[in-house]
Amino acid sequence: MSDYLLIESRDPFDSGCSHYHQLAEDLVRSGKKVTLLLVQNGVLPARPCDASKALTDMSRQGVEILADDFSLQERGIDPGSLAEGVMAASLEIVIEQMVEGRKVLWH
């Protein structure tokens, strides 16, 4: 049974990410361990806002939601004020989860 690391780099305000979020939720429902890592403009909904509600809902369903700390810093987002269910992390998490054998998908 493979677990997954999904990486989201697109700005959800100008490109649709709902299908990617649905994939994360479907994988968790099927018993997979899933981390959604937000990088680059993908961190924009990590701030509490209307778009962050989808992230909070996913985290409540069991998807681990992480936001790249460098991407947060570059966009002036305080890692201490992230939406519920979103935690800051370094990109090292990608290597760590690949070593664990997770399948990695990038959007």
N, C-alpha and C. Protein backbone atom coordinates (compact mmCIF):
# COMPACT_ATOMS: atom_id res chain seq x y z
N MET A 1 0.84 -1.18 0.00
CA MET A 1 0.00 0.00 0.00
C MET A 1 0.88 1.24 0.00
N SER A 2 0.76 2.05 -1.01
CA SER A 2 1.56 3.26 -1.12
C SER A 2 0.86 4.45 -0.48
N ASP A 3 1.65 5.31 0.12
CA ASP A 3 1.15 6.57 0.62
C ASP A 3 1.63 7.66 -0.34
N TYR A 4 1.08 8.87 -0.19
CA TYR A 4 1.30 9.90 -1.21
C TYR A 4 1.73 11.23 -0.62
N LEU A 5 2.57 11.91 -1.38
CA LEU A 5 2.91 13.31 -1.14
C LEU A 5 2.44 14.07 -2.37
N LEU A 6 1.45 14.93 -2.18
CA LEU A 6 0.95 15.76 -3.27
C LEU A 6 1.53 17.16 -3.09
N ILE A 7 2.14 17.69 -4.12
CA ILE A 7 2.75 19.03 -4.06
C ILE A 7 1.92 19.96 -4.91
N GLU A 8 1.46 21.06 -4.30
CA GLU A 8 0.64 22.06 -5.01
C GLU A 8 1.42 23.35 -5.13
N SER A 9 1.73 23.77 -6.36
CA SER A 9 2.50 25.00 -6.56
C SER A 9 1.69 26.10 -7.23
N ARG A 10 0.47 25.80 -7.62
CA ARG A 10 -0.31 26.80 -8.36
C ARG A 10 -1.15 27.68 -7.42
N ASP A 11 -1.34 28.91 -7.86
CA ASP A 11 -2.18 29.87 -7.16
C ASP A 11 -3.64 29.43 -7.34
N PRO A 12 -4.32 29.08 -6.27
CA PRO A 12 -5.70 28.61 -6.43
C PRO A 12 -6.67 29.71 -6.85
N PHE A 13 -6.24 30.97 -6.74
CA PHE A 13 -7.12 32.08 -7.09
C PHE A 13 -7.17 32.30 -8.60
N ASP A 14 -6.20 31.77 -9.36
CA ASP A 14 -6.27 31.91 -10.82
C ASP A 14 -6.16 30.57 -11.56
N SER A 15 -6.08 29.48 -10.83
CA SER A 15 -6.09 28.17 -11.47
C SER A 15 -6.84 27.20 -10.56
N GLY A 16 -7.62 26.37 -11.13
CA GLY A 16 -8.41 25.45 -10.33
C GLY A 16 -7.56 24.37 -9.68
N CYS A 17 -7.79 24.16 -8.40
CA CYS A 17 -7.07 23.13 -7.65
C CYS A 17 -8.04 22.13 -7.06
N SER A 18 -9.33 22.34 -7.30
CA SER A 18 -10.32 21.51 -6.60
C SER A 18 -10.18 20.04 -6.95
N HIS A 19 -9.80 19.71 -8.19
CA HIS A 19 -9.65 18.31 -8.55
C HIS A 19 -8.47 17.68 -7.80
N TYR A 20 -7.45 18.47 -7.54
CA TYR A 20 -6.28 17.98 -6.81
C TYR A 20 -6.64 17.75 -5.34
N HIS A 21 -7.43 18.66 -4.78
CA HIS A 21 -7.89 18.51 -3.41
C HIS A 21 -8.79 17.28 -3.30
N GLN A 22 -9.63 17.08 -4.32
CA GLN A 22 -10.51 15.91 -4.33
C GLN A 22 -9.70 14.63 -4.36
N LEU A 23 -8.61 14.63 -5.13
CA LEU A 23 -7.72 13.46 -5.19
C LEU A 23 -7.16 13.16 -3.80
N ALA A 24 -6.71 14.19 -3.09
CA ALA A 24 -6.17 13.99 -1.74
C ALA A 24 -7.23 13.38 -0.82
N GLU A 25 -8.43 13.89 -0.87
CA GLU A 25 -9.51 13.37 -0.02
C GLU A 25 -9.86 11.94 -0.39
N ASP A 26 -9.90 11.64 -1.68
CA ASP A 26 -10.22 10.28 -2.13
C ASP A 26 -9.16 9.28 -1.67
N LEU A 27 -7.89 9.70 -1.76
CA LEU A 27 -6.81 8.80 -1.32
C LEU A 27 -6.89 8.52 0.18
N VAL A 28 -7.19 9.55 0.96
CA VAL A 28 -7.33 9.35 2.42
C VAL A 28 -8.50 8.43 2.71
N ARG A 29 -9.61 8.62 2.01
CA ARG A 29 -10.78 7.76 2.24
C ARG A 29 -10.49 6.31 1.88
N SER A 30 -9.56 6.10 0.94
CA SER A 30 -9.23 4.72 0.56
C SER A 30 -8.16 4.11 1.49
N GLY A 31 -7.80 4.85 2.54
CA GLY A 31 -6.88 4.31 3.53
C GLY A 31 -5.43 4.70 3.35
N LYS A 32 -5.14 5.56 2.40
CA LYS A 32 -3.76 6.00 2.18
C LYS A 32 -3.42 7.15 3.12
N LYS A 33 -2.15 7.25 3.44
CA LYS A 33 -1.63 8.39 4.20
C LYS A 33 -1.24 9.45 3.18
N VAL A 34 -1.76 10.67 3.32
CA VAL A 34 -1.55 11.71 2.31
C VAL A 34 -1.09 13.00 2.96
N THR A 35 -0.04 13.57 2.38
CA THR A 35 0.41 14.91 2.75
C THR A 35 0.24 15.80 1.53
N LEU A 36 -0.35 16.97 1.73
CA LEU A 36 -0.43 18.00 0.68
C LEU A 36 0.56 19.08 1.07
N LEU A 37 1.61 19.25 0.26
CA LEU A 37 2.63 20.26 0.52
C LEU A 37 2.39 21.44 -0.41
N LEU A 38 2.17 22.61 0.17
CA LEU A 38 1.95 23.83 -0.59
C LEU A 38 3.29 24.52 -0.80
N VAL A 39 3.64 24.83 -2.04
CA VAL A 39 4.89 25.52 -2.35
C VAL A 39 4.60 26.66 -3.33
N GLN A 40 5.56 27.55 -3.48
CA GLN A 40 5.45 28.70 -4.39
C GLN A 40 4.10 29.40 -4.16
N ASN A 41 3.35 29.72 -5.23
CA ASN A 41 2.07 30.41 -5.05
C ASN A 41 0.99 29.50 -4.46
N GLY A 42 1.27 28.24 -4.34
CA GLY A 42 0.33 27.32 -3.70
C GLY A 42 0.12 27.62 -2.22
N VAL A 43 1.03 28.41 -1.60
CA VAL A 43 0.88 28.75 -0.18
C VAL A 43 -0.13 29.87 0.06
N LEU A 44 -0.59 30.54 -0.99
CA LEU A 44 -1.46 31.71 -0.80
C LEU A 44 -2.73 31.40 0.02
N PRO A 45 -3.37 30.25 -0.16
CA PRO A 45 -4.56 30.00 0.68
C PRO A 45 -4.22 29.50 2.08
N ALA A 46 -2.93 29.44 2.43
CA ALA A 46 -2.55 29.00 3.77
C ALA A 46 -2.91 30.03 4.82
N ARG A 47 -3.11 31.28 4.39
CA ARG A 47 -3.58 32.33 5.31
C ARG A 47 -5.06 32.11 5.56
N PRO A 48 -5.56 32.45 6.74
CA PRO A 48 -7.00 32.33 6.96
C PRO A 48 -7.77 33.21 5.97
N CYS A 49 -8.57 32.60 5.13
CA CYS A 49 -9.38 33.29 4.12
C CYS A 49 -10.43 32.30 3.60
N ASP A 50 -11.27 32.74 2.69
CA ASP A 50 -12.30 31.83 2.16
C ASP A 50 -11.67 30.59 1.53
N ALA A 51 -10.57 30.77 0.81
CA ALA A 51 -9.93 29.64 0.11
C ALA A 51 -9.28 28.67 1.09
N SER A 52 -8.95 29.13 2.29
CA SER A 52 -8.30 28.22 3.25
C SER A 52 -9.29 27.23 3.87
N LYS A 53 -10.58 27.48 3.73
CA LYS A 53 -11.57 26.57 4.31
C LYS A 53 -11.44 25.18 3.71
N ALA A 54 -11.12 25.09 2.43
CA ALA A 54 -10.95 23.78 1.79
C ALA A 54 -9.77 23.03 2.42
N LEU A 55 -8.71 23.76 2.75
CA LEU A 55 -7.55 23.13 3.39
C LEU A 55 -7.90 22.64 4.79
N THR A 56 -8.62 23.46 5.53
CA THR A 56 -9.03 23.07 6.88
C THR A 56 -9.92 21.84 6.83
N ASP A 57 -10.86 21.82 5.88
CA ASP A 57 -11.73 20.64 5.74
C ASP A 57 -10.93 19.39 5.40
N MET A 58 -9.95 19.52 4.50
CA MET A 58 -9.12 18.36 4.15
C MET A 58 -8.33 17.87 5.35
N SER A 59 -7.81 18.79 6.14
CA SER A 59 -7.03 18.38 7.32
C SER A 59 -7.93 17.65 8.31
N ARG A 60 -9.17 18.07 8.45
CA ARG A 60 -10.11 17.39 9.35
C ARG A 60 -10.43 15.98 8.86
N GLN A 61 -10.29 15.76 7.55
CA GLN A 61 -10.54 14.43 6.99
C GLN A 61 -9.31 13.53 7.07
N GLY A 62 -8.16 14.10 7.46
CA GLY A 62 -6.98 13.28 7.63
C GLY A 62 -5.82 13.59 6.71
N VAL A 63 -5.98 14.57 5.82
CA VAL A 63 -4.88 14.97 4.95
C VAL A 63 -3.96 15.89 5.75
N GLU A 64 -2.67 15.58 5.78
CA GLU A 64 -1.70 16.47 6.43
C GLU A 64 -1.41 17.62 5.48
N ILE A 65 -1.61 18.85 5.92
CA ILE A 65 -1.41 20.02 5.07
C ILE A 65 -0.18 20.77 5.58
N LEU A 66 0.83 20.88 4.72
CA LEU A 66 2.06 21.59 5.07
C LEU A 66 2.29 22.73 4.08
N ALA A 67 2.88 23.81 4.54
CA ALA A 67 3.21 24.94 3.68
C ALA A 67 4.72 25.19 3.77
N ASP A 68 5.37 25.25 2.64
CA ASP A 68 6.82 25.47 2.59
C ASP A 68 7.18 26.80 3.26
N ASP A 69 8.07 26.73 4.24
CA ASP A 69 8.39 27.94 5.00
C ASP A 69 9.08 29.00 4.15
N PHE A 70 9.90 28.60 3.18
CA PHE A 70 10.55 29.59 2.31
C PHE A 70 9.52 30.29 1.42
N SER A 71 8.58 29.54 0.87
CA SER A 71 7.53 30.15 0.04
C SER A 71 6.68 31.11 0.87
N LEU A 72 6.40 30.74 2.13
CA LEU A 72 5.64 31.64 3.01
C LEU A 72 6.41 32.94 3.21
N GLN A 73 7.70 32.80 3.51
CA GLN A 73 8.54 33.97 3.77
C GLN A 73 8.59 34.88 2.54
N GLU A 74 8.77 34.30 1.35
CA GLU A 74 8.86 35.08 0.12
C GLU A 74 7.58 35.85 -0.19
N ARG A 75 6.45 35.38 0.34
CA ARG A 75 5.16 36.03 0.09
C ARG A 75 4.67 36.82 1.30
N GLY A 76 5.54 36.97 2.30
CA GLY A 76 5.21 37.78 3.47
C GLY A 76 4.12 37.18 4.35
N ILE A 77 4.01 35.86 4.35
CA ILE A 77 3.00 35.18 5.17
C ILE A 77 3.66 34.68 6.45
N ASP A 78 3.14 35.10 7.58
CA ASP A 78 3.69 34.70 8.87
C ASP A 78 3.35 33.24 9.17
N PRO A 79 4.35 32.38 9.34
CA PRO A 79 4.07 30.97 9.63
C PRO A 79 3.28 30.77 10.92
N GLY A 80 3.28 31.77 11.79
CA GLY A 80 2.52 31.67 13.03
C GLY A 80 1.05 31.99 12.90
N SER A 81 0.63 32.43 11.71
CA SER A 81 -0.78 32.82 11.54
C SER A 81 -1.44 32.04 10.40
N LEU A 82 -1.11 30.79 10.29
CA LEU A 82 -1.69 29.98 9.20
C LEU A 82 -3.10 29.52 9.57
N ALA A 83 -3.84 29.16 8.55
CA ALA A 83 -5.20 28.67 8.75
C ALA A 83 -5.19 27.39 9.57
N GLU A 84 -6.30 27.11 10.20
CA GLU A 84 -6.43 25.88 11.00
C GLU A 84 -6.11 24.66 10.14
N GLY A 85 -5.26 23.80 10.66
CA GLY A 85 -4.93 22.56 9.96
C GLY A 85 -3.73 22.65 9.05
N VAL A 86 -3.16 23.86 8.90
CA VAL A 86 -2.00 24.06 8.02
C VAL A 86 -0.78 24.34 8.90
N MET A 87 0.31 23.63 8.64
CA MET A 87 1.54 23.82 9.40
C MET A 87 2.68 24.16 8.45
N ALA A 88 3.60 25.00 8.90
CA ALA A 88 4.78 25.33 8.11
C ALA A 88 5.78 24.17 8.18
N ALA A 89 6.51 23.96 7.09
CA ALA A 89 7.53 22.91 7.02
C ALA A 89 8.59 23.32 6.02
N SER A 90 9.76 22.70 6.14
CA SER A 90 10.80 22.98 5.15
C SER A 90 10.69 21.98 4.01
N LEU A 91 11.33 22.28 2.89
CA LEU A 91 11.27 21.39 1.73
C LEU A 91 11.94 20.04 1.98
N GLU A 92 12.69 19.94 3.06
CA GLU A 92 13.31 18.66 3.40
C GLU A 92 12.28 17.55 3.54
N ILE A 93 11.04 17.94 3.82
CA ILE A 93 9.98 16.94 3.98
C ILE A 93 9.81 16.11 2.70
N VAL A 94 10.12 16.71 1.55
CA VAL A 94 9.99 15.98 0.28
C VAL A 94 10.96 14.80 0.27
N ILE A 95 12.22 15.06 0.62
CA ILE A 95 13.22 13.99 0.64
C ILE A 95 12.85 12.94 1.68
N GLU A 96 12.45 13.41 2.86
CA GLU A 96 12.10 12.47 3.93
C GLU A 96 10.96 11.54 3.51
N GLN A 97 9.94 12.09 2.87
CA GLN A 97 8.81 11.25 2.48
C GLN A 97 9.13 10.38 1.28
N MET A 98 10.01 10.83 0.41
CA MET A 98 10.45 9.97 -0.70
C MET A 98 11.23 8.78 -0.16
N VAL A 99 12.07 9.02 0.84
CA VAL A 99 12.83 7.94 1.45
C VAL A 99 11.88 6.93 2.09
N GLU A 100 10.75 7.41 2.62
CA GLU A 100 9.74 6.51 3.21
C GLU A 100 9.03 5.68 2.15
N GLY A 101 9.21 6.05 0.88
CA GLY A 101 8.57 5.31 -0.19
C GLY A 101 7.27 5.89 -0.70
N ARG A 102 6.99 7.12 -0.32
CA ARG A 102 5.75 7.75 -0.79
C ARG A 102 5.81 8.05 -2.27
N LYS A 103 4.69 7.96 -2.92
CA LYS A 103 4.58 8.39 -4.30
C LYS A 103 4.38 9.90 -4.29
N VAL A 104 5.07 10.60 -5.20
CA VAL A 104 5.03 12.06 -5.24
C VAL A 104 4.35 12.51 -6.52
N LEU A 105 3.36 13.38 -6.37
CA LEU A 105 2.68 13.98 -7.52
C LEU A 105 2.80 15.48 -7.38
N TRP A 106 3.11 16.18 -8.48
CA TRP A 106 3.29 17.64 -8.48
C TRP A 106 2.26 18.26 -9.39
N HIS A 107 1.57 19.30 -8.87
CA HIS A 107 0.56 20.03 -9.65
C HIS A 107 0.91 21.49 -9.66
